[in-house]
Amino acid sequence: MTTQELLAEYLKLPPKERFAFAGTVFSSMNEADALDIDIAPEYAAELERRYQEAIAHPEILVPLDDAEQEILAEWSK
């Protein structure tokens, strides 16, 4: 199966299943994988800004499980 075929099948999934699938794919990545990804400078800057904000204000962070439940609850409406 090609990447394009996989993407086409993925996009046919309901939102909840796409979210779960995307989370699984993201979780499967490790730091070494991330180092091989080229991203636009503006995205890199935004990621760095958010990272620095999280370091400076850890109280604003939401545990992943909680965020996932909030998103799934929103999509269920």
Foldseek 3Di string as FASTA:
>chain_A
DDPVVVVVVLVVDPPLVNVVVVVVVVVVDDPVNVVPDDDDPVVVVVVVVVVVVCVVCVVPDDPPVVVSVVVVVVSVD
